[in-house]
């Protein structure tokens, strides 16, 4: 598998240098628009899952459980957002 990955990467780099295109190989992948889309999708989908899971066996909504898991969700998203948003030091 590693040999196939190396050959594929080499082929893409050769094509990119020949055609003057970079196929996104050297561009920053975590741009602002992508951050906004992923944050909106993650928070809305996560909040929906937390809302569904915050009901007890009788179907009654428990706001304390919802707030707890929503804070956990936002902490995870915040940590991942921080990790992926950092610029690589060269």
C-alpha atoms as a PDB file:
ATOM      1  CA  UNK A   1       0.000   0.000   0.000  1.00  0.00           C
ATOM      2  CA  UNK A   2       2.776   2.426   0.858  1.00  0.00           C
ATOM      3  CA  UNK A   3       4.374   1.859  -2.544  1.00  0.00           C
ATOM      4  CA  UNK A   4       1.093   2.626  -4.324  1.00  0.00           C
ATOM      5  CA  UNK A   5       0.627   5.788  -2.250  1.00  0.00           C
ATOM      6  CA  UNK A   6       4.176   6.957  -3.028  1.00  0.00           C
ATOM      7  CA  UNK A   7       3.737   6.325  -6.746  1.00  0.00           C
ATOM      8  CA  UNK A   8       0.386   8.112  -6.794  1.00  0.00           C
ATOM      9  CA  UNK A   9       1.841  11.101  -4.953  1.00  0.00           C
ATOM     10  CA  UNK A  10       4.820  11.184  -7.323  1.00  0.00           C
ATOM     11  CA  UNK A  11       2.528  11.033 -10.360  1.00  0.00           C
ATOM     12  CA  UNK A  12       0.318  13.848  -9.026  1.00  0.00           C
ATOM     13  CA  UNK A  13       3.355  16.006  -8.303  1.00  0.00           C
ATOM     14  CA  UNK A  14       4.744  15.416 -11.807  1.00  0.00           C
ATOM     15  CA  UNK A  15       1.407  16.273 -13.426  1.00  0.00           C
ATOM     16  CA  UNK A  16       1.065  19.365 -11.271  1.00  0.00           C
ATOM     17  CA  UNK A  17       4.516  20.668 -12.112  1.00  0.00           C
ATOM     18  CA  UNK A  18       4.018  19.974 -15.834  1.00  0.00           C
ATOM     19  CA  UNK A  19       0.633  21.667 -16.091  1.00  0.00           C
ATOM     20  CA  UNK A  20       1.324  24.535 -13.726  1.00  0.00           C
ATOM     21  CA  UNK A  21      -1.494  23.408 -11.441  1.00  0.00           C
ATOM     22  CA  UNK A  22      -1.062  22.173  -7.920  1.00  0.00           C
ATOM     23  CA  UNK A  23      -4.309  20.160  -7.477  1.00  0.00           C
ATOM     24  CA  UNK A  24      -4.560  21.563  -3.964  1.00  0.00           C
ATOM     25  CA  UNK A  25      -1.402  19.822  -2.840  1.00  0.00           C
ATOM     26  CA  UNK A  26       0.308  22.957  -1.567  1.00  0.00           C
ATOM     27  CA  UNK A  27      -2.693  25.112  -0.684  1.00  0.00           C
ATOM     28  CA  UNK A  28      -4.051  25.681   2.774  1.00  0.00           C
ATOM     29  CA  UNK A  29      -6.973  23.277   3.074  1.00  0.00           C
ATOM     30  CA  UNK A  30      -8.534  24.766   6.172  1.00  0.00           C
ATOM     31  CA  UNK A  31      -9.742  28.080   4.780  1.00  0.00           C
ATOM     32  CA  UNK A  32     -12.387  30.343   6.290  1.00  0.00           C
ATOM     33  CA  UNK A  33     -15.322  29.173   4.182  1.00  0.00           C
ATOM     34  CA  UNK A  34     -14.646  25.529   5.008  1.00  0.00           C
ATOM     35  CA  UNK A  35     -14.344  26.388   8.708  1.00  0.00           C
ATOM     36  CA  UNK A  36     -17.737  28.090   8.701  1.00  0.00           C
ATOM     37  CA  UNK A  37     -19.423  25.206   6.882  1.00  0.00           C
ATOM     38  CA  UNK A  38     -17.934  22.549   9.162  1.00  0.00           C
ATOM     39  CA  UNK A  39     -18.713  24.520  12.307  1.00  0.00           C
ATOM     40  CA  UNK A  40     -22.323  25.113  11.272  1.00  0.00           C
ATOM     41  CA  UNK A  41     -22.837  21.488  10.255  1.00  0.00           C
ATOM     42  CA  UNK A  42     -21.113  20.091  13.338  1.00  0.00           C
ATOM     43  CA  UNK A  43     -22.937  22.291  15.807  1.00  0.00           C
ATOM     44  CA  UNK A  44     -26.379  21.818  14.224  1.00  0.00           C
ATOM     45  CA  UNK A  45     -26.057  18.048  13.746  1.00  0.00           C
ATOM     46  CA  UNK A  46     -24.477  17.631  17.173  1.00  0.00           C
ATOM     47  CA  UNK A  47     -27.182  19.711  18.843  1.00  0.00           C
ATOM     48  CA  UNK A  48     -29.870  17.622  17.157  1.00  0.00           C
ATOM     49  CA  UNK A  49     -28.241  14.386  18.411  1.00  0.00           C
ATOM     50  CA  UNK A  50     -27.881  15.855  21.927  1.00  0.00           C
ATOM     51  CA  UNK A  51     -31.529  16.993  21.871  1.00  0.00           C
ATOM     52  CA  UNK A  52     -32.745  13.530  20.867  1.00  0.00           C
ATOM     53  CA  UNK A  53     -30.553  11.840  23.493  1.00  0.00           C
ATOM     54  CA  UNK A  54     -31.619  14.171  26.301  1.00  0.00           C
ATOM     55  CA  UNK A  55     -35.017  12.527  26.629  1.00  0.00           C
ATOM     56  CA  UNK A  56     -35.570   9.932  29.318  1.00  0.00           C
ATOM     57  CA  UNK A  57     -37.330   6.572  28.940  1.00  0.00           C
ATOM     58  CA  UNK A  58     -40.741   8.180  29.298  1.00  0.00           C
ATOM     59  CA  UNK A  59     -39.997  10.697  26.542  1.00  0.00           C
ATOM     60  CA  UNK A  60     -39.677  13.663  28.893  1.00  0.00           C
ATOM     61  CA  UNK A  61     -37.062  16.263  27.932  1.00  0.00           C
ATOM     62  CA  UNK A  62     -34.357  16.779  30.578  1.00  0.00           C
ATOM     63  CA  UNK A  63     -32.771  20.237  30.172  1.00  0.00           C
ATOM     64  CA  UNK A  64     -29.886  19.479  32.575  1.00  0.00           C
ATOM     65  CA  UNK A  65     -28.743  16.549  30.450  1.00  0.00           C
ATOM     66  CA  UNK A  66     -29.102  18.647  27.301  1.00  0.00           C
ATOM     67  CA  UNK A  67     -26.995  21.504  28.689  1.00  0.00           C
ATOM     68  CA  UNK A  68     -24.300  19.116  29.936  1.00  0.00           C
ATOM     69  CA  UNK A  69     -23.921  17.277  26.624  1.00  0.00           C
ATOM     70  CA  UNK A  70     -24.186  20.495  24.624  1.00  0.00           C
ATOM     71  CA  UNK A  71     -21.250  21.910  26.610  1.00  0.00           C
ATOM     72  CA  UNK A  72     -19.282  18.712  25.996  1.00  0.00           C
ATOM     73  CA  UNK A  73     -20.077  18.957  22.281  1.00  0.00           C
ATOM     74  CA  UNK A  74     -19.002  22.606  22.102  1.00  0.00           C
ATOM     75  CA  UNK A  75     -15.784  21.841  24.008  1.00  0.00           C
ATOM     76  CA  UNK A  76     -14.882  19.063  21.557  1.00  0.00           C
ATOM     77  CA  UNK A  77     -15.707  21.218  18.525  1.00  0.00           C
ATOM     78  CA  UNK A  78     -13.768  24.126  20.019  1.00  0.00           C
ATOM     79  CA  UNK A  79     -10.697  21.970  20.673  1.00  0.00           C
ATOM     80  CA  UNK A  80     -10.758  20.503  17.167  1.00  0.00           C
ATOM     81  CA  UNK A  81     -11.316  23.940  15.659  1.00  0.00           C
ATOM     82  CA  UNK A  82      -8.269  25.237  17.537  1.00  0.00           C
ATOM     83  CA  UNK A  83      -6.095  22.285  16.478  1.00  0.00           C
ATOM     84  CA  UNK A  84      -7.034  22.475  12.798  1.00  0.00           C
ATOM     85  CA  UNK A  85      -6.927  26.270  12.623  1.00  0.00           C
ATOM     86  CA  UNK A  86      -3.336  26.633  13.780  1.00  0.00           C
ATOM     87  CA  UNK A  87      -0.886  27.572  11.090  1.00  0.00           C
ATOM     88  CA  UNK A  88       1.927  25.139  10.574  1.00  0.00           C
ATOM     89  CA  UNK A  89       5.275  26.494  11.670  1.00  0.00           C
ATOM     90  CA  UNK A  90       8.002  26.006   9.127  1.00  0.00           C
END
